[in-house]
Protein backbone atom coordinates (compact mmCIF):
# COMPACT_ATOMS: atom_id res chain seq x y z
CA MET A 1 228.73 42.43 85.89
CA THR A 2 228.35 41.00 82.40
CA ASP A 3 225.04 39.84 81.01
CA ILE A 4 226.29 36.25 80.96
CA THR A 5 227.26 36.44 84.61
CA ARG A 6 223.86 37.81 85.55
CA ARG A 7 222.24 34.83 83.85
CA GLN A 8 224.47 32.47 85.73
CA LEU A 9 223.56 34.10 89.00
CA ILE A 10 219.87 33.86 88.04
CA GLY A 11 218.56 36.74 86.17
CA GLY A 12 216.01 35.80 88.63
CA VAL A 13 209.67 32.14 88.29
CA VAL A 14 207.19 34.48 86.48
CA ALA A 15 209.34 41.70 82.36
CA GLY A 16 209.21 42.17 78.63
CA ALA A 17 208.28 45.66 77.72
CA ALA A 18 205.93 46.32 80.63
CA MET A 19 202.22 45.66 80.28
CA SER A 20 201.55 48.57 77.97
CA ALA A 21 203.91 47.19 75.35
CA ALA A 22 203.09 43.54 75.97
CA GLY A 23 199.35 44.10 75.97
CA SER A 24 199.31 45.86 72.60
CA ALA A 25 200.13 42.77 70.57
CA PHE A 26 200.36 39.03 70.90
CA GLY A 27 203.12 38.47 68.39
CA SER A 28 202.53 40.36 65.14
CA GLU A 29 199.07 38.97 64.41
CA VAL A 30 197.01 38.41 67.55
CA LYS A 31 195.91 41.11 69.94
CA MET A 32 196.26 40.36 73.65
CA PRO A 33 192.83 39.56 75.13
CA ASP A 34 191.24 41.92 77.61
CA ASN A 35 191.48 40.90 81.25
CA ARG A 36 187.67 40.78 81.40
CA ASP A 37 187.71 37.92 78.88
CA PHE A 38 188.95 35.60 81.64
CA TYR A 39 186.25 36.23 84.23
CA LYS A 40 182.67 35.01 84.41
CA ALA A 41 179.64 37.18 85.08
CA ASP A 42 179.93 36.49 88.81
CA GLY A 43 183.57 37.65 88.81
CA SER A 44 185.07 34.19 89.22
CA PHE A 45 188.09 33.15 87.17
CA ASP A 46 187.26 31.31 83.94
CA GLU A 47 189.96 28.65 83.76
CA GLU A 48 188.63 27.16 80.52
CA ALA A 49 188.84 30.53 78.74
CA ALA A 50 192.39 30.91 80.04
CA LYS A 51 193.38 27.48 78.77
CA GLU A 52 192.04 28.31 75.32
CA ALA A 53 194.28 31.38 75.24
CA TYR A 54 197.29 29.19 76.01
CA TYR A 55 196.30 26.66 73.36
CA ASP A 56 196.16 29.53 70.85
CA MET A 57 199.67 30.54 71.89
CA MET A 58 200.92 26.96 71.59
CA ARG A 59 199.56 26.73 68.05
CA ARG A 60 201.32 29.93 67.05
CA PHE A 61 204.57 28.59 68.41
CA ASN A 62 203.97 25.22 66.67
CA TYR A 63 204.22 23.62 70.07
CA PRO A 64 202.61 20.16 70.20
CA ILE A 65 199.41 19.99 72.26
CA VAL A 66 199.76 16.44 73.56
CA ASP A 67 196.88 14.59 75.20
CA ARG A 68 198.05 15.38 78.75
CA LEU A 69 197.68 19.08 77.99
CA ARG A 70 194.00 18.49 77.23
CA GLY A 71 193.37 16.88 80.61
CA ASP A 72 193.15 17.93 84.23
CA GLU A 73 196.91 17.87 84.74
CA PHE A 74 197.14 21.09 82.74
CA TRP A 75 196.09 24.03 84.91
CA ALA A 76 195.75 27.80 84.64
CA VAL A 77 195.58 30.24 87.56
CA ASP A 78 195.19 33.95 88.26
CA PHE A 79 196.55 33.56 91.82
CA GLY A 80 193.34 35.06 93.19
CA MET A 81 194.35 38.58 92.19
CA GLY A 82 191.73 39.19 89.51
CA MET A 83 194.29 40.54 87.03
CA PHE A 84 195.07 37.48 84.93
CA THR A 85 196.70 39.33 82.04
CA GLU A 86 199.23 40.81 84.49
CA VAL A 87 199.64 38.07 87.10
CA GLY A 88 198.90 34.50 86.01
CA MET A 89 200.25 31.40 84.35
CA ALA A 90 199.50 27.90 83.14
CA GLY A 91 201.54 24.82 83.81
CA ILE A 92 201.85 21.08 83.89
CA PHE A 93 203.99 18.95 86.17
CA TRP A 94 205.43 16.34 83.85
CA ILE A 95 206.93 14.58 86.86
CA ASN A 96 207.43 15.35 90.56
CA ASN A 97 209.38 12.59 92.29
CA GLN A 98 209.91 12.99 96.03
CA GLU A 99 211.84 9.75 96.52
CA HIS A 100 214.58 10.63 94.06
CA ASP A 101 214.21 14.42 94.36
CA TYR A 102 213.55 15.59 90.83
CA PHE A 103 210.87 17.61 89.08
CA GLY A 104 209.93 18.49 85.49
CA HIS A 105 207.55 21.36 84.83
CA GLU A 106 206.42 23.32 81.79
CA ILE A 107 205.52 26.99 82.33
CA TYR A 108 203.19 28.88 79.96
CA LEU A 109 202.89 32.67 80.03
CA LEU A 110 200.79 34.98 77.88
CA PRO A 111 202.35 38.26 76.70
CA GLY A 112 203.53 40.38 79.61
CA GLN A 113 202.24 37.88 82.15
CA MET A 114 204.05 37.49 85.45
CA ILE A 115 204.40 34.61 87.87
CA PRO A 116 204.07 36.40 91.24
CA GLU A 117 207.24 36.77 93.26
CA HIS A 118 207.86 33.81 95.53
CA ARG A 119 210.44 31.63 97.22
CA HIS A 120 210.63 28.03 98.41
CA VAL A 121 211.45 27.32 102.05
CA GLU A 122 212.59 24.05 103.60
CA THR A 123 209.92 21.71 104.94
CA ASP A 124 209.87 18.35 106.67
CA ASP A 125 209.37 16.78 103.24
CA ALA A 126 211.72 18.82 101.06
CA ARG A 127 214.99 20.70 101.08
CA TYR A 128 215.27 24.14 99.54
CA LYS A 129 214.01 23.75 95.98
CA MET A 130 216.70 24.36 93.37
CA GLU A 131 215.51 25.36 89.91
CA ALA A 132 216.75 26.00 86.40
CA TRP A 133 214.70 27.40 83.52
CA GLN A 134 215.14 26.91 79.78
CA THR A 135 213.18 29.09 77.41
CA ARG A 136 211.59 27.13 74.56
CA HIS A 137 209.53 29.80 72.77
CA GLY A 138 209.31 33.58 73.10
CA PHE A 139 211.48 35.01 75.83
CA VAL A 140 211.27 35.80 79.53
CA TRP A 141 212.86 38.08 82.02
CA THR A 142 213.88 36.15 85.12
CA TYR A 143 214.18 38.23 88.27
CA GLY A 144 216.30 37.45 91.31
CA GLU A 145 217.85 39.10 94.30
CA GLY A 146 220.68 41.52 93.59
CA GLU A 147 221.46 44.99 92.33
CA PRO A 148 219.02 46.04 89.59
CA ASN A 149 220.25 46.87 86.13
CA PRO A 150 218.94 49.93 84.25
CA GLY A 151 215.26 49.40 83.41
CA ASP A 152 214.77 46.35 85.63
CA VAL A 153 212.59 48.01 88.27
CA GLU A 154 210.54 49.94 85.71
CA ARG A 155 209.76 46.68 83.91
CA ILE A 156 208.16 45.07 86.97
CA PRO A 157 204.34 45.11 86.66
CA PRO A 158 202.51 47.63 88.89
CA SER A 159 201.16 44.98 91.26
CA HIS A 160 204.68 44.10 92.40
CA ARG A 161 206.84 47.12 91.61
CA GLU A 162 206.92 48.49 95.15
CA ILE A 163 207.05 45.21 97.07
CA ALA A 164 209.36 43.03 94.98
CA ASN A 165 212.49 41.75 96.68
CA ALA A 166 213.82 40.35 93.39
CA ARG A 167 214.79 43.40 91.34
CA SER A 168 217.65 42.22 89.12
CA ALA A 169 216.71 40.72 85.76
CA SER A 170 218.18 38.73 82.89
CA LYS A 171 216.60 38.22 79.51
CA VAL A 172 216.46 34.51 78.63
CA MET A 173 216.05 33.71 74.95
CA PRO A 174 215.05 30.38 73.35
CA GLY A 175 217.56 27.66 74.20
CA GLU A 176 219.17 29.68 76.97
CA ILE A 177 219.17 28.52 80.59
CA THR A 178 219.29 30.40 83.86
CA TYR A 179 219.04 29.08 87.37
CA LEU A 180 218.47 29.91 91.01
CA PRO A 181 221.90 30.29 92.61
CA GLU A 182 220.83 29.62 96.17
CA GLY A 183 217.84 27.98 97.84
CA GLY A 184 215.29 30.20 99.52
CA GLN A 185 215.86 33.27 97.35
CA TRP A 186 213.01 35.43 96.06
CA HIS A 187 212.41 35.20 92.33
CA PHE A 188 209.81 35.58 89.60
CA MET A 189 209.43 35.42 85.83
CA LEU A 190 207.87 37.80 83.30
CA ALA A 191 207.07 37.02 79.66
CA GLY A 192 207.97 39.15 76.68
CA PRO A 193 205.45 40.52 74.16
CA GLU A 194 204.90 37.19 72.36
CA GLY A 195 204.30 35.17 75.51
CA ALA A 196 206.62 32.33 76.44
CA ILE A 197 206.95 28.61 77.06
CA VAL A 198 209.65 27.65 79.56
CA THR A 199 210.86 24.26 80.79
CA GLU A 200 211.78 24.04 84.46
CA TYR A 201 214.25 21.47 85.79
CA ALA A 202 214.29 21.27 89.57
CA SER A 203 214.47 19.28 92.75
CA TYR A 204 211.25 17.97 94.30
CA HIS A 205 208.43 20.53 94.45
CA ASP A 206 206.58 20.68 97.79
CA GLY A 207 203.57 22.97 97.49
CA ALA A 208 203.68 23.60 101.23
CA ALA A 209 207.08 25.27 100.77
CA LEU A 210 205.77 28.11 98.59
CA ARG A 211 205.84 31.62 100.02
CA PHE A 212 204.59 34.67 98.09
CA SER A 213 205.62 38.25 98.79
CA HIS A 214 202.30 39.78 97.68
CA PRO A 215 199.71 39.48 100.47
CA ASP A 216 196.80 39.02 98.06
CA VAL A 217 198.17 35.98 96.23
CA GLN A 218 196.15 32.78 96.63
CA PHE A 219 197.42 29.46 95.31
């Protein structure tokens, strides 16, 4: 299967050069923060510290930090796993229209960061969510169901390497688009060593439809 075909089939939400490579540098100038930098003394996740890390990344990419990104609509999560630099993300829903069934979302990932593996089931309020992703800055590996290519499994972060159902990856560079070929499939996304900003185009997003493969994920 050619690389182009793999992208069309999905490449596979959020694996650069594993965490060891991704964690060593944030681009060529900024070192990736330590995981402890994102947790308070009581062990709780420090969302404000996380947001500041994403703002730093946006500045390096010359990505405009519009007013909505300074408000409550912009969120950052560690999915309750306590390992933000491995499993975490930030995002903003630009629009989520149930009546007309469309959704616009921006995804922000620090270097080597992974969106935990998940899928979207049908609900009373939504059909299977269909998604496409366009890389704006940096690059991502998108993982989907299918036969893995050389290096794909080894690239998956340790938290998911043994349990992941999505094990076939495509590298998606700036301007390139990949998409979910079929509703209900497992998928995830992993940023390269500079981090990444990705635009998602999709049908209506129903939070109740989310299912994660890792038992410890909270969202």
